[in-house]
């Protein structure tokens, strides 16, 4: 379990095959290995019992496999946790589905990113800039504040998010009209 949480997949394989006996450790090993199809099959077996962990795992597998359209439809009928809500917002902007509504104020980066893109699509530059600001605060307070300085690899996802926000802000600033209309 320690090696799995540290994401040392080589060390997990070196511990023997006893981890394959328990279905939850088996599926976490499959996720660690990036074998999303097999992990999804395991989660499907457990999701028949309305196990919330299995439903979240199933959604995570669909997300990592790039099945955004199927996942978007599945999430429309599922009760959402914060992890599933984040996945739903990401699926929404990837599919260009702008009907999810505005993100409530909170610390959900994906929601504020979606809201900024939605506002840009609608031509509301003021709301887009406000959502960008909120998304930056989310990255700073949740990801960067708790980052380990032992490895720079932990910082890459946060820096990537900040780069994405900066590019969207550059797009808004370079708008030739620079009014309340992007289209």
C-alpha atoms as a PDB file:
ATOM      1  CA  UNK A   1       0.000   0.000   0.000  1.00  0.00           C
ATOM      2  CA  UNK A   2       2.874   2.358   0.770  1.00  0.00           C
ATOM      3  CA  UNK A   3       4.447   1.777  -2.639  1.00  0.00           C
ATOM      4  CA  UNK A   4       1.084   2.217  -4.326  1.00  0.00           C
ATOM      5  CA  UNK A   5       0.473   5.543  -2.602  1.00  0.00           C
ATOM      6  CA  UNK A   6       3.968   6.685  -3.556  1.00  0.00           C
ATOM      7  CA  UNK A   7       3.268   5.491  -7.124  1.00  0.00           C
ATOM      8  CA  UNK A   8       6.350   3.276  -7.284  1.00  0.00           C
ATOM      9  CA  UNK A   9       4.937   0.755  -9.719  1.00  0.00           C
ATOM     10  CA  UNK A  10       8.195  -1.187 -10.011  1.00  0.00           C
ATOM     11  CA  UNK A  11       8.348  -1.631  -6.247  1.00  0.00           C
ATOM     12  CA  UNK A  12       4.734  -2.845  -6.169  1.00  0.00           C
ATOM     13  CA  UNK A  13       5.523  -5.505  -8.751  1.00  0.00           C
ATOM     14  CA  UNK A  14       8.540  -6.590  -6.714  1.00  0.00           C
ATOM     15  CA  UNK A  15       6.422  -7.256  -3.615  1.00  0.00           C
ATOM     16  CA  UNK A  16       5.037 -10.490  -5.010  1.00  0.00           C
ATOM     17  CA  UNK A  17       1.603 -11.299  -6.304  1.00  0.00           C
ATOM     18  CA  UNK A  18      -0.370 -11.245  -3.051  1.00  0.00           C
ATOM     19  CA  UNK A  19      -1.756  -7.820  -3.963  1.00  0.00           C
ATOM     20  CA  UNK A  20      -3.712  -9.506  -6.754  1.00  0.00           C
ATOM     21  CA  UNK A  21      -5.902 -11.376  -4.266  1.00  0.00           C
ATOM     22  CA  UNK A  22      -7.760  -8.318  -2.968  1.00  0.00           C
ATOM     23  CA  UNK A  23      -9.900  -6.661  -5.632  1.00  0.00           C
ATOM     24  CA  UNK A  24      -9.331  -3.091  -4.400  1.00  0.00           C
ATOM     25  CA  UNK A  25      -5.549  -3.423  -4.352  1.00  0.00           C
ATOM     26  CA  UNK A  26      -5.688  -5.191  -7.718  1.00  0.00           C
ATOM     27  CA  UNK A  27      -7.647  -2.352  -9.291  1.00  0.00           C
ATOM     28  CA  UNK A  28      -5.388   0.302  -7.748  1.00  0.00           C
ATOM     29  CA  UNK A  29      -2.419  -1.593  -9.206  1.00  0.00           C
ATOM     30  CA  UNK A  30      -4.092  -1.617 -12.626  1.00  0.00           C
ATOM     31  CA  UNK A  31      -4.613   2.153 -12.367  1.00  0.00           C
ATOM     32  CA  UNK A  32      -0.988   2.619 -11.356  1.00  0.00           C
ATOM     33  CA  UNK A  33       0.087   0.626 -14.398  1.00  0.00           C
ATOM     34  CA  UNK A  34      -2.194   2.698 -16.650  1.00  0.00           C
ATOM     35  CA  UNK A  35      -4.272  -0.316 -17.634  1.00  0.00           C
ATOM     36  CA  UNK A  36      -7.532   1.614 -17.640  1.00  0.00           C
ATOM     37  CA  UNK A  37      -9.587  -0.924 -19.610  1.00  0.00           C
ATOM     38  CA  UNK A  38      -8.904  -3.718 -17.122  1.00  0.00           C
ATOM     39  CA  UNK A  39      -9.446  -1.378 -14.168  1.00  0.00           C
ATOM     40  CA  UNK A  40     -12.761  -0.311 -15.685  1.00  0.00           C
ATOM     41  CA  UNK A  41     -13.874  -3.942 -15.891  1.00  0.00           C
ATOM     42  CA  UNK A  42     -13.062  -4.409 -12.195  1.00  0.00           C
ATOM     43  CA  UNK A  43     -14.972  -1.263 -11.284  1.00  0.00           C
ATOM     44  CA  UNK A  44     -17.957  -2.375 -13.364  1.00  0.00           C
ATOM     45  CA  UNK A  45     -18.173  -5.537 -11.282  1.00  0.00           C
ATOM     46  CA  UNK A  46     -18.256  -3.489  -8.075  1.00  0.00           C
ATOM     47  CA  UNK A  47     -20.516  -0.701  -9.379  1.00  0.00           C
ATOM     48  CA  UNK A  48     -23.508  -3.042  -9.549  1.00  0.00           C
ATOM     49  CA  UNK A  49     -23.739  -2.775  -5.763  1.00  0.00           C
ATOM     50  CA  UNK A  50     -23.968   1.048  -5.916  1.00  0.00           C
ATOM     51  CA  UNK A  51     -20.505   1.299  -4.385  1.00  0.00           C
ATOM     52  CA  UNK A  52     -19.533   4.984  -4.553  1.00  0.00           C
ATOM     53  CA  UNK A  53     -15.826   4.126  -4.721  1.00  0.00           C
ATOM     54  CA  UNK A  54     -16.466   1.895  -7.724  1.00  0.00           C
ATOM     55  CA  UNK A  55     -18.554   4.570  -9.452  1.00  0.00           C
ATOM     56  CA  UNK A  56     -15.802   7.157  -8.928  1.00  0.00           C
ATOM     57  CA  UNK A  57     -13.215   4.678 -10.182  1.00  0.00           C
ATOM     58  CA  UNK A  58     -15.307   3.895 -13.239  1.00  0.00           C
ATOM     59  CA  UNK A  59     -15.581   7.603 -14.032  1.00  0.00           C
ATOM     60  CA  UNK A  60     -11.841   8.048 -13.478  1.00  0.00           C
ATOM     61  CA  UNK A  61     -11.133   5.215 -15.945  1.00  0.00           C
ATOM     62  CA  UNK A  62     -13.442   6.668 -18.604  1.00  0.00           C
ATOM     63  CA  UNK A  63     -11.779  10.048 -18.101  1.00  0.00           C
ATOM     64  CA  UNK A  64      -8.249   8.664 -18.459  1.00  0.00           C
ATOM     65  CA  UNK A  65      -9.275   6.675 -21.537  1.00  0.00           C
ATOM     66  CA  UNK A  66     -10.549   9.859 -23.181  1.00  0.00           C
ATOM     67  CA  UNK A  67     -14.180   8.747 -23.390  1.00  0.00           C
ATOM     68  CA  UNK A  68     -15.441  12.230 -22.607  1.00  0.00           C
ATOM     69  CA  UNK A  69     -18.761  11.977 -24.441  1.00  0.00           C
ATOM     70  CA  UNK A  70     -19.761   8.735 -22.719  1.00  0.00           C
ATOM     71  CA  UNK A  71     -18.539  10.073 -19.385  1.00  0.00           C
ATOM     72  CA  UNK A  72     -20.465  13.328 -19.816  1.00  0.00           C
ATOM     73  CA  UNK A  73     -23.684  11.378 -20.375  1.00  0.00           C
ATOM     74  CA  UNK A  74     -22.965   9.053 -17.455  1.00  0.00           C
ATOM     75  CA  UNK A  75     -22.235  11.931 -15.083  1.00  0.00           C
ATOM     76  CA  UNK A  76     -25.502  13.649 -15.998  1.00  0.00           C
ATOM     77  CA  UNK A  77     -27.347  10.847 -14.194  1.00  0.00           C
ATOM     78  CA  UNK A  78     -24.918  10.368 -11.291  1.00  0.00           C
ATOM     79  CA  UNK A  79     -24.733  12.049  -7.907  1.00  0.00           C
ATOM     80  CA  UNK A  80     -21.515  14.029  -7.893  1.00  0.00           C
ATOM     81  CA  UNK A  81     -18.706  14.262  -5.395  1.00  0.00           C
ATOM     82  CA  UNK A  82     -16.073  16.964  -5.786  1.00  0.00           C
ATOM     83  CA  UNK A  83     -13.898  14.579  -7.842  1.00  0.00           C
ATOM     84  CA  UNK A  84     -16.761  13.737 -10.196  1.00  0.00           C
ATOM     85  CA  UNK A  85     -17.773  17.382 -10.449  1.00  0.00           C
ATOM     86  CA  UNK A  86     -14.214  18.277 -11.488  1.00  0.00           C
ATOM     87  CA  UNK A  87     -14.286  15.544 -14.136  1.00  0.00           C
ATOM     88  CA  UNK A  88     -17.682  16.753 -15.363  1.00  0.00           C
ATOM     89  CA  UNK A  89     -16.426  20.324 -15.798  1.00  0.00           C
ATOM     90  CA  UNK A  90     -13.395  19.084 -17.722  1.00  0.00           C
ATOM     91  CA  UNK A  91     -15.578  16.924 -19.977  1.00  0.00           C
ATOM     92  CA  UNK A  92     -17.862  19.914 -20.513  1.00  0.00           C
ATOM     93  CA  UNK A  93     -15.182  22.225 -21.872  1.00  0.00           C
ATOM     94  CA  UNK A  94     -13.484  19.466 -23.882  1.00  0.00           C
ATOM     95  CA  UNK A  95     -16.800  18.695 -25.595  1.00  0.00           C
ATOM     96  CA  UNK A  96     -17.887  22.325 -25.896  1.00  0.00           C
ATOM     97  CA  UNK A  97     -20.933  21.649 -23.722  1.00  0.00           C
ATOM     98  CA  UNK A  98     -21.658  25.012 -22.108  1.00  0.00           C
ATOM     99  CA  UNK A  99     -24.897  23.998 -20.387  1.00  0.00           C
ATOM    100  CA  UNK A 100     -23.430  22.925 -17.028  1.00  0.00           C
ATOM    101  CA  UNK A 101     -24.112  26.273 -15.414  1.00  0.00           C
ATOM    102  CA  UNK A 102     -21.724  28.500 -13.554  1.00  0.00           C
ATOM    103  CA  UNK A 103     -19.294  27.132 -11.034  1.00  0.00           C
ATOM    104  CA  UNK A 104     -20.184  27.976  -7.453  1.00  0.00           C
ATOM    105  CA  UNK A 105     -17.511  29.860  -5.564  1.00  0.00           C
ATOM    106  CA  UNK A 106     -15.152  27.399  -3.996  1.00  0.00           C
ATOM    107  CA  UNK A 107     -11.803  25.737  -4.433  1.00  0.00           C
ATOM    108  CA  UNK A 108     -12.548  23.684  -7.543  1.00  0.00           C
ATOM    109  CA  UNK A 109     -10.037  24.665 -10.223  1.00  0.00           C
ATOM    110  CA  UNK A 110     -11.803  22.755 -12.988  1.00  0.00           C
ATOM    111  CA  UNK A 111     -15.057  24.596 -12.293  1.00  0.00           C
ATOM    112  CA  UNK A 112     -13.471  28.033 -12.475  1.00  0.00           C
ATOM    113  CA  UNK A 113     -11.525  27.046 -15.602  1.00  0.00           C
ATOM    114  CA  UNK A 114     -14.787  25.869 -17.190  1.00  0.00           C
ATOM    115  CA  UNK A 115     -16.520  29.072 -16.108  1.00  0.00           C
ATOM    116  CA  UNK A 116     -13.747  31.207 -17.663  1.00  0.00           C
ATOM    117  CA  UNK A 117     -14.026  29.334 -20.959  1.00  0.00           C
ATOM    118  CA  UNK A 118     -17.821  29.510 -20.860  1.00  0.00           C
ATOM    119  CA  UNK A 119     -17.694  33.276 -20.230  1.00  0.00           C
ATOM    120  CA  UNK A 120     -15.231  33.661 -23.098  1.00  0.00           C
ATOM    121  CA  UNK A 121     -17.570  31.717 -25.359  1.00  0.00           C
ATOM    122  CA  UNK A 122     -20.456  33.971 -24.311  1.00  0.00           C
ATOM    123  CA  UNK A 123     -18.329  37.110 -24.743  1.00  0.00           C
ATOM    124  CA  UNK A 124     -18.411  38.131 -21.067  1.00  0.00           C
ATOM    125  CA  UNK A 125     -14.780  39.176 -20.592  1.00  0.00           C
ATOM    126  CA  UNK A 126     -15.309  40.558 -17.092  1.00  0.00           C
ATOM    127  CA  UNK A 127     -16.668  37.246 -15.809  1.00  0.00           C
ATOM    128  CA  UNK A 128     -13.906  35.387 -17.666  1.00  0.00           C
ATOM    129  CA  UNK A 129     -11.196  37.440 -15.928  1.00  0.00           C
ATOM    130  CA  UNK A 130     -12.862  36.954 -12.551  1.00  0.00           C
ATOM    131  CA  UNK A 131     -13.018  33.190 -13.104  1.00  0.00           C
ATOM    132  CA  UNK A 132      -9.362  33.160 -14.168  1.00  0.00           C
ATOM    133  CA  UNK A 133      -8.453  34.924 -10.949  1.00  0.00           C
ATOM    134  CA  UNK A 134     -10.431  32.416  -8.897  1.00  0.00           C
ATOM    135  CA  UNK A 135      -8.808  29.513 -10.739  1.00  0.00           C
ATOM    136  CA  UNK A 136      -5.344  30.907  -9.996  1.00  0.00           C
ATOM    137  CA  UNK A 137      -6.235  31.185  -6.323  1.00  0.00           C
ATOM    138  CA  UNK A 138      -7.372  27.553  -6.381  1.00  0.00           C
ATOM    139  CA  UNK A 139      -4.048  26.434  -7.834  1.00  0.00           C
ATOM    140  CA  UNK A 140      -2.111  28.488  -5.304  1.00  0.00           C
ATOM    141  CA  UNK A 141      -4.076  27.416  -2.250  1.00  0.00           C
ATOM    142  CA  UNK A 142      -4.640  23.753  -3.022  1.00  0.00           C
ATOM    143  CA  UNK A 143      -1.818  22.540  -5.203  1.00  0.00           C
ATOM    144  CA  UNK A 144       1.169  24.802  -4.706  1.00  0.00           C
ATOM    145  CA  UNK A 145       0.680  25.343  -0.988  1.00  0.00           C
ATOM    146  CA  UNK A 146       0.862  21.601  -0.312  1.00  0.00           C
ATOM    147  CA  UNK A 147       3.542  20.736  -2.862  1.00  0.00           C
ATOM    148  CA  UNK A 148       6.591  18.846  -1.742  1.00  0.00           C
ATOM    149  CA  UNK A 149       9.936  20.458  -2.432  1.00  0.00           C
ATOM    150  CA  UNK A 150      11.620  17.060  -2.658  1.00  0.00           C
ATOM    151  CA  UNK A 151      10.750  16.694  -6.313  1.00  0.00           C
ATOM    152  CA  UNK A 152       9.903  19.192  -9.005  1.00  0.00           C
ATOM    153  CA  UNK A 153       7.756  16.557 -10.675  1.00  0.00           C
ATOM    154  CA  UNK A 154       4.998  17.287  -8.154  1.00  0.00           C
ATOM    155  CA  UNK A 155       4.873  20.893  -9.365  1.00  0.00           C
ATOM    156  CA  UNK A 156       4.374  20.144 -13.072  1.00  0.00           C
ATOM    157  CA  UNK A 157       0.568  19.715 -12.986  1.00  0.00           C
ATOM    158  CA  UNK A 158       0.151  22.986 -11.064  1.00  0.00           C
ATOM    159  CA  UNK A 159       2.518  24.854 -13.348  1.00  0.00           C
ATOM    160  CA  UNK A 160       0.692  23.428 -16.350  1.00  0.00           C
ATOM    161  CA  UNK A 161      -2.599  24.723 -14.974  1.00  0.00           C
ATOM    162  CA  UNK A 162      -1.097  28.166 -14.406  1.00  0.00           C
ATOM    163  CA  UNK A 163       0.270  28.158 -17.967  1.00  0.00           C
ATOM    164  CA  UNK A 164      -3.191  27.266 -19.304  1.00  0.00           C
ATOM    165  CA  UNK A 165      -4.739  30.152 -17.378  1.00  0.00           C
ATOM    166  CA  UNK A 166      -2.043  32.541 -18.597  1.00  0.00           C
ATOM    167  CA  UNK A 167      -2.681  31.578 -22.219  1.00  0.00           C
ATOM    168  CA  UNK A 168      -6.396  32.181 -21.807  1.00  0.00           C
ATOM    169  CA  UNK A 169      -5.691  35.550 -20.203  1.00  0.00           C
ATOM    170  CA  UNK A 170      -3.326  36.433 -23.068  1.00  0.00           C
ATOM    171  CA  UNK A 171      -6.104  35.554 -25.497  1.00  0.00           C
ATOM    172  CA  UNK A 172      -8.501  37.842 -23.642  1.00  0.00           C
ATOM    173  CA  UNK A 173      -5.962  40.687 -23.578  1.00  0.00           C
ATOM    174  CA  UNK A 174      -5.040  40.296 -27.256  1.00  0.00           C
ATOM    175  CA  UNK A 175      -8.666  40.458 -28.327  1.00  0.00           C
ATOM    176  CA  UNK A 176      -8.726  43.085 -31.109  1.00  0.00           C
ATOM    177  CA  UNK A 177     -12.082  44.397 -29.966  1.00  0.00           C
ATOM    178  CA  UNK A 178     -11.186  44.165 -26.269  1.00  0.00           C
ATOM    179  CA  UNK A 179     -14.801  44.816 -25.470  1.00  0.00           C
ATOM    180  CA  UNK A 180     -17.455  42.598 -24.012  1.00  0.00           C
ATOM    181  CA  UNK A 181     -17.569  40.548 -27.178  1.00  0.00           C
ATOM    182  CA  UNK A 182     -15.104  37.895 -28.281  1.00  0.00           C
ATOM    183  CA  UNK A 183     -17.017  36.589 -31.292  1.00  0.00           C
END
